[in-house]
Amino acid sequence: MKEEKIIVPANGYLMLFLFIILFFGSIALIPITETGWSVFGIVIALVLAFGFLMVQPNGSRVLLLFGKYVGTVKKNGFYWVNPFYTKKKISLRASNFDSERLKVNDKLGNPIMISTILVWRVQDTYKAAFDVDNYENFVRVQTDAAVRKLASMYPYDNFADEGHVEDITLRSSVNEVSEALEKEIDERLSIAGIEVLEARIGYLAYAQEIANAMLKRQQATAIVAARHKIVEGAVSMVEMAIDQLSKKQVVDLDEERKAAMVSNLMVVLCGDKDASPVLNAGTLNH
């Protein structure tokens, strides 16, 4: 048998009633019969007691008879099975797994620290019990392997200044990365009968040895982008000022004075600090 077989054993309450009658009845008959049959009845009752089985909600019991798979009990309740069955308990509840922070290289070769949060549960008890040695350890190992593979497929972030522009990155494309991670882990755990309910990145950061350098790089990129916007706005404002002065004939400026005006306005608009104005008490020529 290579697949899961669901069975429903005998009612445990009925067998409990028969056990009580057999056990206490045999004890009561010992002084009356004075034979070995009463002792034999007690032994039989004790053997039958090993067949009682209780299955809790979202639990299961895998039954084996001398190494042969008999079936799986998934329906919760109180049952009785063959006393010689080996009963292996497997939980069907959803479980959380928070992996350790792994140090891996992203697509661009940058060392990063990454971990994942996985929500999983056993779907096929036969595969979980017999196709892998330890399904819980199998989940941990394969999840770490899937995370390492995923990290090598995508860059941590885009670096437009170096020409590295990706549609999907680990930092910005959360939904796409989570879907890819869930698919990768599900393919790996299907051999163990494990169903992946959710998989997402729990922790993501640059490795310690390059974290400071990358932070400075991000800050420099942000400063350059801000300066670019400031210069664009300053040029528009200077152009507008000159056009308005010429249109309304407020003052007649030659090319040299326009250049001086543009220089002064650009210094004022693009400077980091507030400009200190200098009042000209003379004429335009001085």
Protein backbone atom coordinates (compact mmCIF):
# COMPACT_ATOMS: atom_id res chain seq x y z
CA MET A 1 0.00 0.00 0.00
CA LYS A 2 1.40 3.36 -1.09
CA GLU A 3 -1.39 5.72 -0.04
CA GLU A 4 -3.38 6.73 2.99
CA LYS A 5 -6.33 4.55 4.01
CA ILE A 6 -9.00 6.00 6.31
CA ILE A 7 -10.70 3.51 8.65
CA VAL A 8 -13.30 3.79 11.43
CA PRO A 9 -12.65 1.22 14.22
CA ALA A 10 -15.18 -0.40 16.56
CA ASN A 11 -17.06 1.66 19.11
CA GLY A 12 -14.91 2.05 22.21
CA TYR A 13 -17.81 2.43 24.66
CA LEU A 14 -19.31 -0.93 23.67
CA MET A 15 -15.96 -2.67 24.08
CA LEU A 16 -15.46 -0.90 27.41
CA PHE A 17 -18.76 -2.35 28.61
CA LEU A 18 -17.70 -5.85 27.50
CA PHE A 19 -14.31 -5.38 29.17
CA ILE A 20 -15.93 -4.45 32.50
CA ILE A 21 -18.23 -7.49 32.35
CA LEU A 22 -15.39 -9.87 31.44
CA PHE A 23 -12.86 -8.48 33.90
CA PHE A 24 -15.02 -8.09 37.01
CA GLY A 25 -17.10 -11.16 36.15
CA SER A 26 -13.95 -13.31 36.01
CA ILE A 27 -12.82 -11.91 39.35
CA ALA A 28 -16.22 -12.70 40.90
CA LEU A 29 -16.14 -16.29 39.57
CA ILE A 30 -12.69 -17.15 41.02
CA PRO A 31 -13.97 -18.31 44.46
CA ILE A 32 -16.95 -20.06 42.86
CA THR A 33 -15.42 -22.04 40.01
CA GLU A 34 -11.98 -22.63 41.56
CA THR A 35 -10.61 -23.27 38.06
CA GLY A 36 -8.15 -21.55 35.78
CA TRP A 37 -10.86 -20.28 33.45
CA SER A 38 -11.50 -17.24 35.62
CA VAL A 39 -7.82 -16.34 35.56
CA PHE A 40 -7.80 -16.86 31.81
CA GLY A 41 -10.77 -14.47 31.49
CA ILE A 42 -8.90 -11.82 33.48
CA VAL A 43 -5.86 -12.18 31.22
CA ILE A 44 -8.04 -11.86 28.10
CA ALA A 45 -9.67 -8.73 29.53
CA LEU A 46 -6.29 -7.15 30.23
CA VAL A 47 -5.14 -7.90 26.70
CA LEU A 48 -8.30 -6.34 25.29
CA ALA A 49 -7.64 -3.20 27.34
CA PHE A 50 -4.61 -2.43 25.14
CA GLY A 51 -6.94 -1.95 22.17
CA PHE A 52 -8.66 1.17 23.46
CA LEU A 53 -7.92 4.22 21.36
CA MET A 54 -8.83 7.89 21.76
CA VAL A 55 -8.52 10.37 18.89
CA GLN A 56 -8.79 14.08 19.66
CA PRO A 57 -10.07 16.72 17.20
CA ASN A 58 -7.51 17.41 14.45
CA GLY A 59 -5.56 14.37 15.53
CA SER A 60 -4.93 10.98 13.94
CA ARG A 61 -3.56 7.55 14.70
CA VAL A 62 -1.63 5.47 12.17
CA LEU A 63 -2.20 1.73 12.79
CA LEU A 64 0.39 -0.97 12.08
CA LEU A 65 0.12 -4.72 12.53
CA PHE A 66 3.60 -6.25 12.85
CA GLY A 67 5.05 -3.68 10.46
CA LYS A 68 2.17 -3.71 7.97
CA TYR A 69 0.17 -0.53 7.45
CA VAL A 70 -3.49 -1.12 8.33
CA GLY A 71 -5.00 2.35 8.09
CA THR A 72 -5.38 5.76 9.67
CA VAL A 73 -8.04 6.91 12.12
CA LYS A 74 -8.81 10.62 11.63
CA LYS A 75 -12.32 10.88 13.04
CA ASN A 76 -12.20 11.99 16.65
CA GLY A 77 -13.79 9.76 19.28
CA PHE A 78 -13.27 6.73 21.54
CA TYR A 79 -12.55 3.47 19.67
CA TRP A 80 -11.27 -0.04 20.10
CA VAL A 81 -8.85 -1.72 17.72
CA ASN A 82 -6.83 -4.91 17.63
CA PRO A 83 -4.67 -4.91 20.79
CA PHE A 84 -1.66 -5.96 18.72
CA TYR A 85 -1.84 -2.84 16.55
CA THR A 86 0.96 -0.33 16.90
CA LYS A 87 -0.64 3.11 17.21
CA LYS A 88 1.42 6.09 15.99
CA LYS A 89 0.07 9.52 16.83
CA ILE A 90 0.27 12.26 14.16
CA SER A 91 -1.21 15.70 14.71
CA LEU A 92 -3.28 17.29 11.93
CA ARG A 93 -3.24 20.74 13.52
CA ALA A 94 -1.63 23.72 11.81
CA SER A 95 1.90 24.37 13.05
CA ASN A 96 4.13 27.43 12.92
CA PHE A 97 7.80 27.26 12.06
CA ASP A 98 10.03 30.31 12.42
CA SER A 99 13.33 29.46 10.81
CA GLU A 100 16.70 30.68 11.98
CA ARG A 101 18.27 33.71 10.36
CA LEU A 102 20.38 32.40 7.51
CA LYS A 103 23.31 34.18 5.95
CA VAL A 104 23.07 33.80 2.16
CA ASN A 105 24.04 35.70 -0.98
CA ASP A 106 21.39 37.39 -3.09
CA LYS A 107 21.35 37.45 -6.89
CA LEU A 108 23.98 40.21 -6.98
CA GLY A 109 26.26 38.38 -4.54
CA ASN A 110 25.56 40.64 -1.56
CA PRO A 111 25.48 38.79 1.80
CA ILE A 112 22.09 39.12 3.50
CA MET A 113 20.37 37.74 6.59
CA ILE A 114 16.99 36.15 5.92
CA SER A 115 14.45 34.00 7.75
CA THR A 116 10.98 32.70 6.97
CA ILE A 117 7.73 32.03 8.83
CA LEU A 118 5.96 28.87 7.68
CA VAL A 119 2.46 27.64 8.53
CA TRP A 120 1.98 23.96 7.69
CA ARG A 121 0.05 20.83 8.60
CA VAL A 122 0.05 17.12 7.79
CA GLN A 123 -2.32 16.24 4.96
CA ASP A 124 -1.32 12.65 4.14
CA THR A 125 -0.45 10.62 7.25
CA TYR A 126 0.96 7.69 5.25
CA LYS A 127 3.60 9.89 3.55
CA ALA A 128 4.41 11.70 6.78
CA ALA A 129 4.86 8.45 8.68
CA PHE A 130 6.63 6.25 6.11
CA ASP A 131 8.01 8.28 3.19
CA VAL A 132 10.35 10.37 5.36
CA ASP A 133 12.29 9.54 8.49
CA ASN A 134 11.17 12.48 10.65
CA TYR A 135 8.63 14.75 9.00
CA GLU A 136 9.11 17.64 11.47
CA ASN A 137 12.87 17.71 10.87
CA PHE A 138 12.18 17.31 7.15
CA VAL A 139 10.08 20.50 7.24
CA ARG A 140 12.88 22.46 8.92
CA VAL A 141 15.64 21.32 6.60
CA GLN A 142 13.68 21.74 3.37
CA THR A 143 12.40 25.16 4.42
CA ASP A 144 15.95 26.38 4.98
CA ALA A 145 16.98 24.97 1.60
CA ALA A 146 14.04 26.70 -0.13
CA VAL A 147 14.90 30.03 1.50
CA ARG A 148 18.53 29.77 0.37
CA LYS A 149 17.43 29.06 -3.20
CA LEU A 150 14.90 31.91 -3.19
CA ALA A 151 17.44 34.43 -1.90
CA SER A 152 19.82 33.57 -4.73
CA MET A 153 17.10 34.16 -7.35
CA TYR A 154 16.34 37.81 -6.51
CA PRO A 155 18.41 40.85 -5.52
CA TYR A 156 17.89 42.51 -2.17
CA ASP A 157 17.14 45.85 -3.83
CA ASN A 158 17.49 47.69 -7.14
CA PHE A 159 20.65 49.63 -7.92
CA ALA A 160 19.71 51.85 -10.82
CA ASP A 161 23.07 53.67 -10.70
CA GLU A 162 24.82 50.43 -11.65
CA GLY A 163 22.28 49.37 -14.23
CA HIS A 164 20.78 46.61 -12.08
CA VAL A 165 17.03 47.05 -12.34
CA GLU A 166 14.85 44.05 -11.48
CA ASP A 167 11.07 43.74 -11.56
CA ILE A 168 11.08 41.66 -8.36
CA THR A 169 13.30 42.32 -5.36
CA LEU A 170 13.34 40.79 -1.90
CA ARG A 171 12.72 44.11 -0.15
CA SER A 172 9.99 45.69 -2.26
CA SER A 173 8.13 42.77 -3.90
CA VAL A 174 6.69 41.19 -0.75
CA ASN A 175 3.68 39.47 -2.34
CA GLU A 176 5.58 38.07 -5.31
CA VAL A 177 8.43 36.76 -3.15
CA SER A 178 5.99 35.16 -0.69
CA GLU A 179 4.15 33.39 -3.52
CA ALA A 180 7.41 32.10 -4.98
CA LEU A 181 8.59 30.94 -1.54
CA GLU A 182 5.30 29.18 -0.80
CA LYS A 183 5.39 27.38 -4.15
CA GLU A 184 9.02 26.29 -3.67
CA ILE A 185 8.42 24.96 -0.15
CA ASP A 186 5.18 23.23 -1.17
CA GLU A 187 6.97 21.32 -3.93
CA ARG A 188 9.66 20.18 -1.50
CA LEU A 189 7.26 19.12 1.29
CA SER A 190 4.72 17.32 -0.90
CA ILE A 191 6.84 14.15 -0.68
CA ALA A 192 6.15 14.09 3.08
CA GLY A 193 2.41 14.71 2.73
CA ILE A 194 2.76 18.24 4.16
CA GLU A 195 0.38 21.02 3.12
CA VAL A 196 1.81 24.56 3.13
CA LEU A 197 -0.80 27.04 4.37
CA GLU A 198 1.35 30.17 4.31
CA ALA A 199 4.98 31.12 3.80
CA ARG A 200 6.47 34.60 4.05
CA ILE A 201 9.74 36.35 4.80
CA GLY A 202 10.04 36.98 8.54
CA TYR A 203 13.35 38.85 8.61
CA LEU A 204 15.41 40.50 5.89
CA ALA A 205 18.51 42.67 6.22
CA TYR A 206 22.01 43.06 4.89
CA ALA A 207 24.70 41.11 6.67
CA GLN A 208 26.53 42.98 9.41
CA GLU A 209 29.78 43.37 7.49
CA ILE A 210 28.14 45.41 4.70
CA ALA A 211 25.13 46.87 6.51
CA ASN A 212 26.81 50.24 7.26
CA ALA A 213 28.15 50.59 3.73
CA MET A 214 24.77 49.79 2.20
CA LEU A 215 23.04 52.23 4.54
CA LYS A 216 25.40 55.02 3.44
CA ARG A 217 24.78 54.06 -0.16
CA GLN A 218 21.03 54.26 0.28
CA GLN A 219 21.37 57.62 2.00
CA ALA A 220 23.60 58.91 -0.80
CA THR A 221 21.11 57.72 -3.41
CA ALA A 222 18.30 59.47 -1.57
CA ILE A 223 20.33 62.69 -1.31
CA VAL A 224 21.17 62.62 -5.03
CA ALA A 225 17.50 62.08 -5.90
CA ALA A 226 16.47 64.96 -3.63
CA ARG A 227 19.11 67.25 -5.12
CA HIS A 228 17.90 66.36 -8.59
CA LYS A 229 14.38 67.44 -7.70
CA ILE A 230 15.66 70.65 -6.05
CA VAL A 231 17.69 71.61 -9.12
CA GLU A 232 14.74 70.95 -11.42
CA GLY A 233 12.52 73.15 -9.30
CA ALA A 234 15.16 75.88 -8.99
CA VAL A 235 15.70 76.05 -12.75
CA SER A 236 11.95 76.36 -13.32
CA MET A 237 11.68 79.14 -10.72
CA VAL A 238 14.62 81.10 -12.18
CA GLU A 239 13.23 80.75 -15.70
CA MET A 240 9.82 81.92 -14.52
CA ALA A 241 11.34 84.91 -12.66
CA ILE A 242 13.30 86.10 -15.68
CA ASP A 243 10.30 85.67 -17.99
CA GLN A 244 8.02 87.62 -15.65
CA LEU A 245 10.52 90.46 -15.23
CA SER A 246 10.96 90.76 -19.00
CA LYS A 247 7.24 90.47 -19.74
CA LYS A 248 6.20 93.14 -17.22
CA GLN A 249 9.24 95.30 -18.05
CA VAL A 250 10.10 95.69 -14.37
CA VAL A 251 13.79 96.00 -15.16
CA ASP A 252 15.88 95.71 -18.31
CA LEU A 253 18.61 93.12 -17.81
CA ASP A 254 21.44 92.46 -20.19
CA GLU A 255 23.06 89.05 -20.52
CA GLU A 256 25.67 89.72 -17.88
CA ARG A 257 23.09 90.82 -15.30
CA LYS A 258 20.87 87.85 -16.18
CA ALA A 259 23.81 85.52 -15.57
CA ALA A 260 24.49 87.18 -12.20
CA MET A 261 20.82 86.96 -11.29
CA VAL A 262 20.64 83.30 -12.27
CA SER A 263 23.76 82.54 -10.24
CA ASN A 264 22.41 84.29 -7.16
CA LEU A 265 18.98 82.66 -7.39
CA MET A 266 20.47 79.19 -7.88
CA VAL A 267 22.68 79.67 -4.81
CA VAL A 268 19.70 80.75 -2.74
CA LEU A 269 17.35 78.01 -3.95
CA CYS A 270 19.83 75.12 -3.95
CA GLY A 271 21.85 75.95 -0.86
CA ASP A 272 21.71 73.80 2.29
CA LYS A 273 21.59 76.85 4.55
CA ASP A 274 19.55 80.02 4.47
CA ALA A 275 21.20 82.74 2.42
CA SER A 276 22.28 86.00 4.07
CA PRO A 277 20.90 88.82 1.88
CA VAL A 278 23.15 91.75 0.91
CA LEU A 279 21.28 94.99 0.29
CA ASN A 280 22.48 97.10 -2.63
CA ALA A 281 22.05 100.76 -1.64
CA GLY A 282 23.56 102.06 -4.88
CA THR A 283 22.55 101.65 -8.51
CA LEU A 284 22.34 98.61 -10.70
CA ASN A 285 25.89 99.25 -11.83
CA HIS A 286 27.31 99.08 -8.27
